C-alpha atoms as a PDB file:
ATOM      1  CA  MET A   1      38.381  -4.150   2.854  1.00  0.00           C
ATOM      2  CA  VAL A   2      35.315  -2.066   3.651  1.00  0.00           C
ATOM      3  CA  GLU A   3      34.239  -2.494   7.290  1.00  0.00           C
ATOM      4  CA  GLY A   4      31.375  -0.008   7.600  1.00  0.00           C
ATOM      5  CA  LEU A   5      29.394   2.653   5.798  1.00  0.00           C
ATOM      6  CA  LEU A   6      31.599   5.108   3.936  1.00  0.00           C
ATOM      7  CA  ILE A   7      29.601   8.157   4.954  1.00  0.00           C
ATOM      8  CA  GLY A   8      29.745  10.336   8.034  1.00  0.00           C
ATOM      9  CA  ASP A   9      27.043   9.977  10.664  1.00  0.00           C
ATOM     10  CA  ASP A  10      26.357  13.714  10.343  1.00  0.00           C
ATOM     11  CA  LEU A  11      25.029  13.140   6.792  1.00  0.00           C
ATOM     12  CA  LEU A  12      22.852  10.153   7.663  1.00  0.00           C
ATOM     13  CA  LYS A  13      19.108  10.467   8.086  1.00  0.00           C
ATOM     14  CA  ALA A  14      18.868   6.821   9.201  1.00  0.00           C
ATOM     15  CA  LYS A  15      21.101   3.799   9.706  1.00  0.00           C
ATOM     16  CA  VAL A  16      20.070   0.173  10.203  1.00  0.00           C
ATOM     17  CA  LYS A  17      22.224  -2.881  10.882  1.00  0.00           C
ATOM     18  CA  GLY A  18      21.035  -6.392  10.216  1.00  0.00           C
ATOM     19  CA  GLU A  19      23.905  -8.396  11.679  1.00  0.00           C
ATOM     20  CA  ARG A  20      22.301 -11.840  11.339  1.00  0.00           C
ATOM     21  CA  ALA A  21      19.827 -11.072   8.569  1.00  0.00           C
ATOM     22  CA  GLY A  22      20.042 -11.811   4.878  1.00  0.00           C
ATOM     23  CA  ALA A  23      20.561  -9.320   2.078  1.00  0.00           C
ATOM     24  CA  GLU A  24      21.012  -9.309  -1.660  1.00  0.00           C
ATOM     25  CA  VAL A  25      23.326  -6.582  -2.930  1.00  0.00           C
ATOM     26  CA  ALA A  26      24.252  -6.309  -6.624  1.00  0.00           C
ATOM     27  CA  GLY A  27      23.098  -9.879  -7.221  1.00  0.00           C
ATOM     28  CA  MET A  28      25.195 -11.394  -4.415  1.00  0.00           C
ATOM     29  CA  GLN A  29      23.765 -12.998  -1.244  1.00  0.00           C
ATOM     30  CA  TYR A  30      25.043 -11.792   2.145  1.00  0.00           C
ATOM     31  CA  VAL A  31      24.526 -12.609   5.799  1.00  0.00           C
ATOM     32  CA  GLY A  32      24.582  -9.315   7.670  1.00  0.00           C
ATOM     33  CA  TYR A  33      24.266  -5.822   6.260  1.00  0.00           C
ATOM     34  CA  GLU A  34      24.351  -2.125   7.047  1.00  0.00           C
ATOM     35  CA  VAL A  35      22.191   0.417   5.288  1.00  0.00           C
ATOM     36  CA  GLY A  36      22.343   4.190   5.601  1.00  0.00           C
ATOM     37  CA  VAL A  37      20.045   6.782   4.049  1.00  0.00           C
ATOM     38  CA  THR A  38      21.084  10.351   3.255  1.00  0.00           C
ATOM     39  CA  GLU A  39      19.089  13.170   1.693  1.00  0.00           C
ATOM     40  CA  GLY A  40      19.935  11.898  -1.801  1.00  0.00           C
ATOM     41  CA  SER A  41      21.191   8.315  -1.629  1.00  0.00           C
ATOM     42  CA  VAL A  42      21.041   4.897  -0.009  1.00  0.00           C
ATOM     43  CA  HIS A  43      24.328   3.223   1.025  1.00  0.00           C
ATOM     44  CA  VAL A  44      24.272  -0.565   1.447  1.00  0.00           C
ATOM     45  CA  LEU A  45      27.101  -2.771   2.707  1.00  0.00           C
ATOM     46  CA  GLY A  46      26.859  -6.561   2.578  1.00  0.00           C
ATOM     47  CA  LYS A  47      28.856  -8.166   5.400  1.00  0.00           C
ATOM     48  CA  HIS A  48      29.550 -11.879   4.830  1.00  0.00           C
ATOM     49  CA  CYS A  49      29.147 -13.188   1.301  1.00  0.00           C
ATOM     50  CA  ARG A  50      27.776 -16.666   0.762  1.00  0.00           C
ATOM     51  CA  ALA A  51      29.982 -17.001  -2.341  1.00  0.00           C
ATOM     52  CA  ASP A  52      33.745 -16.772  -2.597  1.00  0.00           C
ATOM     53  CA  ILE A  53      34.355 -13.390  -4.224  1.00  0.00           C
ATOM     54  CA  ALA A  54      37.465 -11.290  -4.256  1.00  0.00           C
ATOM     55  CA  ASP A  55      35.927  -8.168  -5.786  1.00  0.00           C
ATOM     56  CA  GLU A  56      34.945  -5.673  -3.074  1.00  0.00           C
ATOM     57  CA  ASP A  57      32.792  -3.727  -5.557  1.00  0.00           C
ATOM     58  CA  PHE A  58      29.940  -6.149  -4.927  1.00  0.00           C
ATOM     59  CA  ARG A  59      29.857  -5.533  -1.161  1.00  0.00           C
ATOM     60  CA  TYR A  60      29.168  -1.795  -1.149  1.00  0.00           C
ATOM     61  CA  VAL A  61      26.527  -0.083  -3.263  1.00  0.00           C
ATOM     62  CA  VAL A  62      25.484   3.568  -3.360  1.00  0.00           C
ATOM     63  CA  VAL A  63      22.050   4.049  -4.898  1.00  0.00           C
ATOM     64  CA  PRO A  64      21.103   7.648  -5.766  1.00  0.00           C
ATOM     65  CA  LEU A  65      17.460   8.207  -4.828  1.00  0.00           C
ATOM     66  CA  ASP A  66      16.741   9.654  -8.267  1.00  0.00           C
ATOM     67  CA  ALA A  67      17.774   6.273  -9.773  1.00  0.00           C
ATOM     68  CA  VAL A  68      15.196   4.320  -7.748  1.00  0.00           C
ATOM     69  CA  THR A  69      12.508   2.844 -10.001  1.00  0.00           C
ATOM     70  CA  GLY A  70      10.703   0.786  -7.381  1.00  0.00           C
ATOM     71  CA  LEU A  71      10.470   0.448  -3.620  1.00  0.00           C
ATOM     72  CA  LYS A  72       8.295  -1.995  -1.742  1.00  0.00           C
ATOM     73  CA  MET A  73       7.990  -3.644   1.625  1.00  0.00           C
ATOM     74  CA  VAL A  74       6.802  -7.235   1.695  1.00  0.00           C
ATOM     75  CA  ASP A  75       6.074  -9.567   4.600  1.00  0.00           C
ATOM     76  CA  HIS A  76       7.444 -12.987   3.586  1.00  0.00           C
ATOM     77  CA  THR A  77       6.555 -15.970   5.735  1.00  0.00           C
ATOM     78  CA  ASP A  78      10.112 -17.328   5.579  1.00  0.00           C
ATOM     79  CA  HIS A  79      12.122 -14.072   5.905  1.00  0.00           C
ATOM     80  CA  GLY A  80       9.780 -11.678   7.732  1.00  0.00           C
ATOM     81  CA  GLN A  81       9.691  -8.012   6.687  1.00  0.00           C
ATOM     82  CA  THR A  82      11.669  -7.379   3.497  1.00  0.00           C
ATOM     83  CA  ILE A  83      12.504  -4.133   1.706  1.00  0.00           C
ATOM     84  CA  GLU A  84      13.055  -4.384  -2.041  1.00  0.00           C
ATOM     85  CA  LEU A  85      14.790  -1.416  -3.681  1.00  0.00           C
ATOM     86  CA  GLN A  86      14.918  -1.474  -7.482  1.00  0.00           C
ATOM     87  CA  THR A  87      16.912   0.546  -9.991  1.00  0.00           C
ATOM     88  CA  ALA A  88      17.478   0.132 -13.725  1.00  0.00           C
ATOM     89  CA  LYS A  89      20.878  -1.475 -13.050  1.00  0.00           C
ATOM     90  CA  GLU A  90      20.518  -3.439  -9.822  1.00  0.00           C
ATOM     91  CA  ASN A  91      18.274  -4.463  -6.969  1.00  0.00           C
ATOM     92  CA  VAL A  92      18.834  -4.469  -3.221  1.00  0.00           C
ATOM     93  CA  VAL A  93      16.856  -6.746  -0.907  1.00  0.00           C
ATOM     94  CA  LEU A  94      17.055  -6.355   2.883  1.00  0.00           C
ATOM     95  CA  GLN A  95      15.470  -9.018   5.081  1.00  0.00           C
ATOM     96  CA  SER A  96      14.571  -8.952   8.764  1.00  0.00           C
ATOM     97  CA  GLU A  97      14.681 -12.752   9.218  1.00  0.00           C
ATOM     98  CA  LYS A  98      11.695 -12.368  11.575  1.00  0.00           C
ATOM     99  CA  GLN A  99      13.688 -10.309  14.102  1.00  0.00           C
ATOM    100  CA  SER A 100      11.081  -8.002  15.654  1.00  0.00           C
ATOM    101  CA  THR A 101      13.370  -5.022  16.328  1.00  0.00           C
ATOM    102  CA  LEU A 102      14.926  -5.238  12.877  1.00  0.00           C
ATOM    103  CA  SER A 103      11.443  -5.502  11.330  1.00  0.00           C
ATOM    104  CA  LYS A 104      10.415  -2.262  13.056  1.00  0.00           C
ATOM    105  CA  ASN A 105      13.640  -0.543  11.986  1.00  0.00           C
ATOM    106  CA  LEU A 106      13.173  -1.644   8.368  1.00  0.00           C
ATOM    107  CA  GLU A 107       9.618  -0.315   8.479  1.00  0.00           C
ATOM    108  CA  ARG A 108      10.886   3.081   9.714  1.00  0.00           C
ATOM    109  CA  LEU A 109      13.577   3.047   7.018  1.00  0.00           C
ATOM    110  CA  PHE A 110      10.964   2.266   4.379  1.00  0.00           C
ATOM    111  CA  ARG A 111       8.761   5.177   5.504  1.00  0.00           C
ATOM    112  CA  LEU A 112      11.748   7.551   5.434  1.00  0.00           C
ATOM    113  CA  MET A 113      12.730   6.458   1.927  1.00  0.00           C
ATOM    114  CA  CYS A 114       9.122   6.923   0.763  1.00  0.00           C
ATOM    115  CA  GLN A 115       9.152  10.488   2.131  1.00  0.00           C
ATOM    116  CA  LEU A 116      12.477  11.258   0.443  1.00  0.00           C
ATOM    117  CA  LEU A 117      11.262   9.823  -2.858  1.00  0.00           C
ATOM    118  CA  ALA A 118       7.978  11.799  -2.777  1.00  0.00           C
END
């Protein structure tokens, strides 16, 4: 079972943990997540699935930055700051659940990803 990001800290440009926040990874809903950004990819780990799944492939997703087709940050009234990362195959949604520190960290992560995509 995957317990953390499968990439060394020396390769990470940024890392954010949303321990009590919601996330959607590969179509599955999670409570808690970790996201790490490298020079060429985004690594996302969903922590606690709201569904009963046995397949670990849904929990951990590596998205190459050149596969990203859309990236936006939205302020939802019910979930706070949310980053939506879209590819041709799957979408990743990271929510702050109105946690102020997590909102700021997601905003920094969003700016970094925008710079890397430019």
